[in-house]
Amino acid sequence: MYTMYEALARERTQEQLTLAAQHRLSQQLVQARRWHRLAAFSARRAARSERRLTEELAADYQLVG
């Protein structure tokens, strides 16, 4: 009788460990996606800022020159 309960307990423990590992993996994927989106947003902002700065410098140069 005990061996049946022990087997059920082992099976349940293994199932919980598997579910926990799957949850950790899904959380890591969510975090990676979030960081990827943030990095892309930051790169677009930096490119836009650099373009504006270049345009402003060109306009200033044209006023002076």
PDB file of N, CA and C in Angstrom:
ATOM      1  N   MET A   1       0.820  -1.192   0.000  1.00  0.00           N
ATOM      2  CA  MET A   1       0.000   0.000   0.000  1.00  0.00           C
ATOM      3  C   MET A   1       0.866   1.259   0.000  1.00  0.00           C
ATOM      4  N   TYR A   2       1.910   1.224   0.845  1.00  0.00           N
ATOM      5  CA  TYR A   2       2.774   2.403   0.910  1.00  0.00           C
ATOM      6  C   TYR A   2       3.483   2.660  -0.415  1.00  0.00           C
ATOM      7  N   THR A   3       3.872   1.590  -1.093  1.00  0.00           N
ATOM      8  CA  THR A   3       4.606   1.778  -2.344  1.00  0.00           C
ATOM      9  C   THR A   3       3.741   2.484  -3.388  1.00  0.00           C
ATOM     10  N   MET A   4       2.434   2.237  -3.369  1.00  0.00           N
ATOM     11  CA  MET A   4       1.555   2.927  -4.310  1.00  0.00           C
ATOM     12  C   MET A   4       1.539   4.423  -4.015  1.00  0.00           C
ATOM     13  N   TYR A   5       1.412   4.775  -2.728  1.00  0.00           N
ATOM     14  CA  TYR A   5       1.411   6.191  -2.352  1.00  0.00           C
ATOM     15  C   TYR A   5       2.758   6.835  -2.613  1.00  0.00           C
ATOM     16  N   GLU A   6       3.836   6.069  -2.381  1.00  0.00           N
ATOM     17  CA  GLU A   6       5.169   6.597  -2.662  1.00  0.00           C
ATOM     18  C   GLU A   6       5.336   6.853  -4.160  1.00  0.00           C
ATOM     19  N   ALA A   7       4.850   5.946  -4.972  1.00  0.00           N
ATOM     20  CA  ALA A   7       4.934   6.120  -6.422  1.00  0.00           C
ATOM     21  C   ALA A   7       4.111   7.324  -6.854  1.00  0.00           C
ATOM     22  N   LEU A   8       2.921   7.478  -6.298  1.00  0.00           N
ATOM     23  CA  LEU A   8       2.092   8.634  -6.620  1.00  0.00           C
ATOM     24  C   LEU A   8       2.765   9.932  -6.189  1.00  0.00           C
ATOM     25  N   ALA A   9       3.384   9.907  -5.008  1.00  0.00           N
ATOM     26  CA  ALA A   9       4.074  11.098  -4.503  1.00  0.00           C
ATOM     27  C   ALA A   9       5.264  11.436  -5.395  1.00  0.00           C
ATOM     28  N   ARG A  10       6.021  10.395  -5.804  1.00  0.00           N
ATOM     29  CA  ARG A  10       7.164  10.636  -6.699  1.00  0.00           C
ATOM     30  C   ARG A  10       6.697  11.189  -8.042  1.00  0.00           C
ATOM     31  N   GLU A  11       5.610  10.628  -8.559  1.00  0.00           N
ATOM     32  CA  GLU A  11       5.074  11.098  -9.831  1.00  0.00           C
ATOM     33  C   GLU A  11       4.614  12.554  -9.722  1.00  0.00           C
ATOM     34  N   ARG A  12       3.943  12.865  -8.642  1.00  0.00           N
ATOM     35  CA  ARG A  12       3.469  14.241  -8.425  1.00  0.00           C
ATOM     36  C   ARG A  12       4.650  15.206  -8.281  1.00  0.00           C
ATOM     37  N   THR A  13       5.681  14.796  -7.553  1.00  0.00           N
ATOM     38  CA  THR A  13       6.867  15.628  -7.382  1.00  0.00           C
ATOM     39  C   THR A  13       7.544  15.866  -8.731  1.00  0.00           C
ATOM     40  N   GLN A  14       7.667  14.800  -9.536  1.00  0.00           N
ATOM     41  CA  GLN A  14       8.282  14.940 -10.860  1.00  0.00           C
ATOM     42  C   GLN A  14       7.454  15.872 -11.735  1.00  0.00           C
ATOM     43  N   GLU A  15       6.139  15.759 -11.648  1.00  0.00           N
ATOM     44  CA  GLU A  15       5.253  16.632 -12.421  1.00  0.00           C
ATOM     45  C   GLU A  15       5.423  18.091 -12.009  1.00  0.00           C
ATOM     46  N   GLN A  16       5.529  18.335 -10.706  1.00  0.00           N
ATOM     47  CA  GLN A  16       5.721  19.702 -10.218  1.00  0.00           C
ATOM     48  C   GLN A  16       7.059  20.269 -10.675  1.00  0.00           C
ATOM     49  N   LEU A  17       8.093  19.436 -10.650  1.00  0.00           N
ATOM     50  CA  LEU A  17       9.411  19.888 -11.108  1.00  0.00           C
ATOM     51  C   LEU A  17       9.379  20.227 -12.598  1.00  0.00           C
ATOM     52  N   THR A  18       8.697  19.395 -13.374  1.00  0.00           N
ATOM     53  CA  THR A  18       8.579  19.653 -14.809  1.00  0.00           C
ATOM     54  C   THR A  18       7.822  20.947 -15.066  1.00  0.00           C
ATOM     55  N   LEU A  19       6.709  21.142 -14.372  1.00  0.00           N
ATOM     56  CA  LEU A  19       5.921  22.367 -14.537  1.00  0.00           C
ATOM     57  C   LEU A  19       6.718  23.601 -14.122  1.00  0.00           C
ATOM     58  N   ALA A  20       7.489  23.473 -13.043  1.00  0.00           N
ATOM     59  CA  ALA A  20       8.303  24.601 -12.587  1.00  0.00           C
ATOM     60  C   ALA A  20       9.375  24.941 -13.627  1.00  0.00           C
ATOM     61  N   ALA A  21       9.986  23.926 -14.219  1.00  0.00           N
ATOM     62  CA  ALA A  21      11.000  24.168 -15.251  1.00  0.00           C
ATOM     63  C   ALA A  21      10.371  24.829 -16.476  1.00  0.00           C
ATOM     64  N   GLN A  22       9.187  24.377 -16.870  1.00  0.00           N
ATOM     65  CA  GLN A  22       8.496  24.995 -18.007  1.00  0.00           C
ATOM     66  C   GLN A  22       8.141  26.445 -17.704  1.00  0.00           C
ATOM     67  N   HIS A  23       7.714  26.707 -16.488  1.00  0.00           N
ATOM     68  CA  HIS A  23       7.368  28.077 -16.096  1.00  0.00           C
ATOM     69  C   HIS A  23       8.598  28.977 -16.134  1.00  0.00           C
ATOM     70  N   ARG A  24       9.720  28.481 -15.605  1.00  0.00           N
ATOM     71  CA  ARG A  24      10.956  29.265 -15.642  1.00  0.00           C
ATOM     72  C   ARG A  24      11.369  29.564 -17.078  1.00  0.00           C
ATOM     73  N   LEU A  25      11.264  28.564 -17.949  1.00  0.00           N
ATOM     74  CA  LEU A  25      11.626  28.766 -19.351  1.00  0.00           C
ATOM     75  C   LEU A  25      10.721  29.806 -20.000  1.00  0.00           C
ATOM     76  N   SER A  26       9.430  29.718 -19.748  1.00  0.00           N
ATOM     77  CA  SER A  26       8.520  30.692 -20.359  1.00  0.00           C
ATOM     78  C   SER A  26       8.792  32.093 -19.824  1.00  0.00           C
ATOM     79  N   GLN A  27       9.127  32.224 -18.552  1.00  0.00           N
ATOM     80  CA  GLN A  27       9.454  33.531 -17.993  1.00  0.00           C
ATOM     81  C   GLN A  27      10.735  34.084 -18.611  1.00  0.00           C
ATOM     82  N   GLN A  28      11.712  33.226 -18.841  1.00  0.00           N
ATOM     83  CA  GLN A  28      12.953  33.671 -19.474  1.00  0.00           C
ATOM     84  C   GLN A  28      12.687  34.151 -20.896  1.00  0.00           C
ATOM     85  N   LEU A  29      11.818  33.449 -21.615  1.00  0.00           N
ATOM     86  CA  LEU A  29      11.481  33.871 -22.973  1.00  0.00           C
ATOM     87  C   LEU A  29      10.761  35.211 -22.973  1.00  0.00           C
ATOM     88  N   VAL A  30       9.861  35.412 -22.008  1.00  0.00           N
ATOM     89  CA  VAL A  30       9.151  36.692 -21.898  1.00  0.00           C
ATOM     90  C   VAL A  30      10.146  37.813 -21.619  1.00  0.00           C
ATOM     91  N   GLN A  31      11.070  37.570 -20.703  1.00  0.00           N
ATOM     92  CA  GLN A  31      12.062  38.595 -20.377  1.00  0.00           C
ATOM     93  C   GLN A  31      12.959  38.900 -21.575  1.00  0.00           C
ATOM     94  N   ALA A  32      13.358  37.874 -22.314  1.00  0.00           N
ATOM     95  CA  ALA A  32      14.205  38.095 -23.488  1.00  0.00           C
ATOM     96  C   ALA A  32      13.458  38.911 -24.541  1.00  0.00           C
ATOM     97  N   ARG A  33      12.174  38.595 -24.730  1.00  0.00           N
ATOM     98  CA  ARG A  33      11.374  39.356 -25.698  1.00  0.00           C
ATOM     99  C   ARG A  33      11.236  40.804 -25.259  1.00  0.00           C
ATOM    100  N   ARG A  34      11.021  41.017 -23.964  1.00  0.00           N
ATOM    101  CA  ARG A  34      10.889  42.381 -23.439  1.00  0.00           C
ATOM    102  C   ARG A  34      12.177  43.160 -23.658  1.00  0.00           C
ATOM    103  N   TRP A  35      13.333  42.556 -23.342  1.00  0.00           N
ATOM    104  CA  TRP A  35      14.603  43.244 -23.524  1.00  0.00           C
ATOM    105  C   TRP A  35      14.879  43.505 -24.997  1.00  0.00           C
ATOM    106  N   HIS A  36      14.474  42.571 -25.871  1.00  0.00           N
ATOM    107  CA  HIS A  36      14.672  42.772 -27.305  1.00  0.00           C
ATOM    108  C   HIS A  36      13.857  43.971 -27.789  1.00  0.00           C
ATOM    109  N   ARG A  37      12.603  44.053 -27.353  1.00  0.00           N
ATOM    110  CA  ARG A  37      11.764  45.191 -27.743  1.00  0.00           C
ATOM    111  C   ARG A  37      12.329  46.492 -27.209  1.00  0.00           C
ATOM    112  N   LEU A  38      12.810  46.497 -25.963  1.00  0.00           N
ATOM    113  CA  LEU A  38      13.388  47.700 -25.372  1.00  0.00           C
ATOM    114  C   LEU A  38      14.656  48.125 -26.116  1.00  0.00           C
ATOM    115  N   ALA A  39      15.489  47.149 -26.475  1.00  0.00           N
ATOM    116  CA  ALA A  39      16.719  47.477 -27.206  1.00  0.00           C
ATOM    117  C   ALA A  39      16.387  48.039 -28.584  1.00  0.00           C
ATOM    118  N   ALA A  40      15.388  47.474 -29.248  1.00  0.00           N
ATOM    119  CA  ALA A  40      15.006  47.981 -30.570  1.00  0.00           C
ATOM    120  C   ALA A  40      14.453  49.398 -30.455  1.00  0.00           C
ATOM    121  N   PHE A  41      13.629  49.641 -29.451  1.00  0.00           N
ATOM    122  CA  PHE A  41      13.078  50.978 -29.229  1.00  0.00           C
ATOM    123  C   PHE A  41      14.206  51.968 -28.970  1.00  0.00           C
ATOM    124  N   SER A  42      15.147  51.579 -28.125  1.00  0.00           N
ATOM    125  CA  SER A  42      16.272  52.449 -27.789  1.00  0.00           C
ATOM    126  C   SER A  42      17.126  52.744 -29.027  1.00  0.00           C
ATOM    127  N   ALA A  43      17.350  51.741 -29.851  1.00  0.00           N
ATOM    128  CA  ALA A  43      18.136  51.952 -31.074  1.00  0.00           C
ATOM    129  C   ALA A  43      17.420  52.905 -32.023  1.00  0.00           C
ATOM    130  N   ARG A  44      16.099  52.757 -32.143  1.00  0.00           N
ATOM    131  CA  ARG A  44      15.347  53.676 -33.011  1.00  0.00           C
ATOM    132  C   ARG A  44      15.410  55.098 -32.481  1.00  0.00           C
ATOM    133  N   ARG A  45      15.287  55.253 -31.161  1.00  0.00           N
ATOM    134  CA  ARG A  45      15.373  56.600 -30.573  1.00  0.00           C
ATOM    135  C   ARG A  45      16.747  57.208 -30.794  1.00  0.00           C
ATOM    136  N   ALA A  46      17.793  56.410 -30.625  1.00  0.00           N
ATOM    137  CA  ALA A  46      19.151  56.920 -30.825  1.00  0.00           C
ATOM    138  C   ALA A  46      19.356  57.338 -32.278  1.00  0.00           C
ATOM    139  N   ALA A  47      18.858  56.536 -33.216  1.00  0.00           N
ATOM    140  CA  ALA A  47      19.002  56.878 -34.637  1.00  0.00           C
ATOM    141  C   ALA A  47      18.245  58.154 -34.957  1.00  0.00           C
ATOM    142  N   ARG A  48      17.047  58.287 -34.390  1.00  0.00           N
ATOM    143  CA  ARG A  48      16.261  59.495 -34.640  1.00  0.00           C
ATOM    144  C   ARG A  48      16.958  60.716 -34.058  1.00  0.00           C
ATOM    145  N   SER A  49      17.493  60.596 -32.859  1.00  0.00           N
ATOM    146  CA  SER A  49      18.208  61.714 -32.241  1.00  0.00           C
ATOM    147  C   SER A  49      19.432  62.098 -33.060  1.00  0.00           C
ATOM    148  N   GLU A  50      20.155  61.082 -33.538  1.00  0.00           N
ATOM    149  CA  GLU A  50      21.356  61.360 -34.331  1.00  0.00           C
ATOM    150  C   GLU A  50      20.982  62.051 -35.638  1.00  0.00           C
ATOM    151  N   ARG A  51      19.887  61.605 -36.275  1.00  0.00           N
ATOM    152  CA  ARG A  51      19.434  62.241 -37.508  1.00  0.00           C
ATOM    153  C   ARG A  51      19.063  63.698 -37.268  1.00  0.00           C
ATOM    154  N   ARG A  52      18.325  63.952 -36.194  1.00  0.00           N
ATOM    155  CA  ARG A  52      17.929  65.336 -35.887  1.00  0.00           C
ATOM    156  C   ARG A  52      19.138  66.207 -35.603  1.00  0.00           C
ATOM    157  N   LEU A  53      20.085  65.671 -34.856  1.00  0.00           N
ATOM    158  CA  LEU A  53      21.292  66.434 -34.544  1.00  0.00           C
ATOM    159  C   LEU A  53      22.065  66.754 -35.826  1.00  0.00           C
ATOM    160  N   THR A  54      22.164  65.764 -36.705  1.00  0.00           N
ATOM    161  CA  THR A  54      22.860  65.987 -37.982  1.00  0.00           C
ATOM    162  C   THR A  54      22.154  67.060 -38.801  1.00  0.00           C
ATOM    163  N   GLU A  55      20.824  66.997 -38.843  1.00  0.00           N
ATOM    164  CA  GLU A  55      20.062  68.003 -39.596  1.00  0.00           C
ATOM    165  C   GLU A  55      20.245  69.392 -38.998  1.00  0.00           C
ATOM    166  N   GLU A  56      20.237  69.470 -37.654  1.00  0.00           N
ATOM    167  CA  GLU A  56      20.421  70.766 -37.005  1.00  0.00           C
ATOM    168  C   GLU A  56      21.814  71.321 -37.280  1.00  0.00           C
ATOM    169  N   LEU A  57      22.822  70.456 -37.223  1.00  0.00           N
ATOM    170  CA  LEU A  57      24.187  70.909 -37.491  1.00  0.00           C
ATOM    171  C   LEU A  57      24.325  71.371 -38.936  1.00  0.00           C
ATOM    172  N   ALA A  58      23.686  70.651 -39.866  1.00  0.00           N
ATOM    173  CA  ALA A  58      23.740  71.054 -41.276  1.00  0.00           C
ATOM    174  C   ALA A  58      23.052  72.387 -41.466  1.00  0.00           C
ATOM    175  N   ALA A  59      21.927  72.601 -40.805  1.00  0.00           N
ATOM    176  CA  ALA A  59      21.214  73.870 -40.921  1.00  0.00           C
ATOM    177  C   ALA A  59      22.043  75.004 -40.326  1.00  0.00           C
ATOM    178  N   ASP A  60      22.667  74.765 -39.170  1.00  0.00           N
ATOM    179  CA  ASP A  60      23.530  75.773 -38.566  1.00  0.00           C
ATOM    180  C   ASP A  60      24.713  76.107 -39.466  1.00  0.00           C
ATOM    181  N   TYR A  61      25.278  75.094 -40.104  1.00  0.00           N
ATOM    182  CA  TYR A  61      26.417  75.310 -40.989  1.00  0.00           C
ATOM    183  C   TYR A  61      25.995  76.139 -42.193  1.00  0.00           C
ATOM    184  N   GLN A  62      24.805  75.885 -42.696  1.00  0.00           N
ATOM    185  CA  GLN A  62      24.318  76.644 -43.838  1.00  0.00           C
ATOM    186  C   GLN A  62      24.080  78.110 -43.473  1.00  0.00           C
ATOM    187  N   LEU A  63      23.623  78.340 -42.231  1.00  0.00           N
ATOM    188  CA  LEU A  63      23.401  79.733 -41.786  1.00  0.00           C
ATOM    189  C   LEU A  63      24.733  80.469 -41.662  1.00  0.00           C
ATOM    190  N   VAL A  64      25.744  79.783 -41.154  1.00  0.00           N
ATOM    191  CA  VAL A  64      27.047  80.403 -40.951  1.00  0.00           C
ATOM    192  C   VAL A  64      27.784  80.529 -42.279  1.00  0.00           C
ATOM    193  N   GLY A  65      27.743  79.500 -43.088  1.00  0.00           N
ATOM    194  CA  GLY A  65      28.523  79.452 -44.319  1.00  0.00           C
ATOM    195  C   GLY A  65      27.855  80.184 -45.402  1.00  0.00           C
TER     196      GLY A  65
END
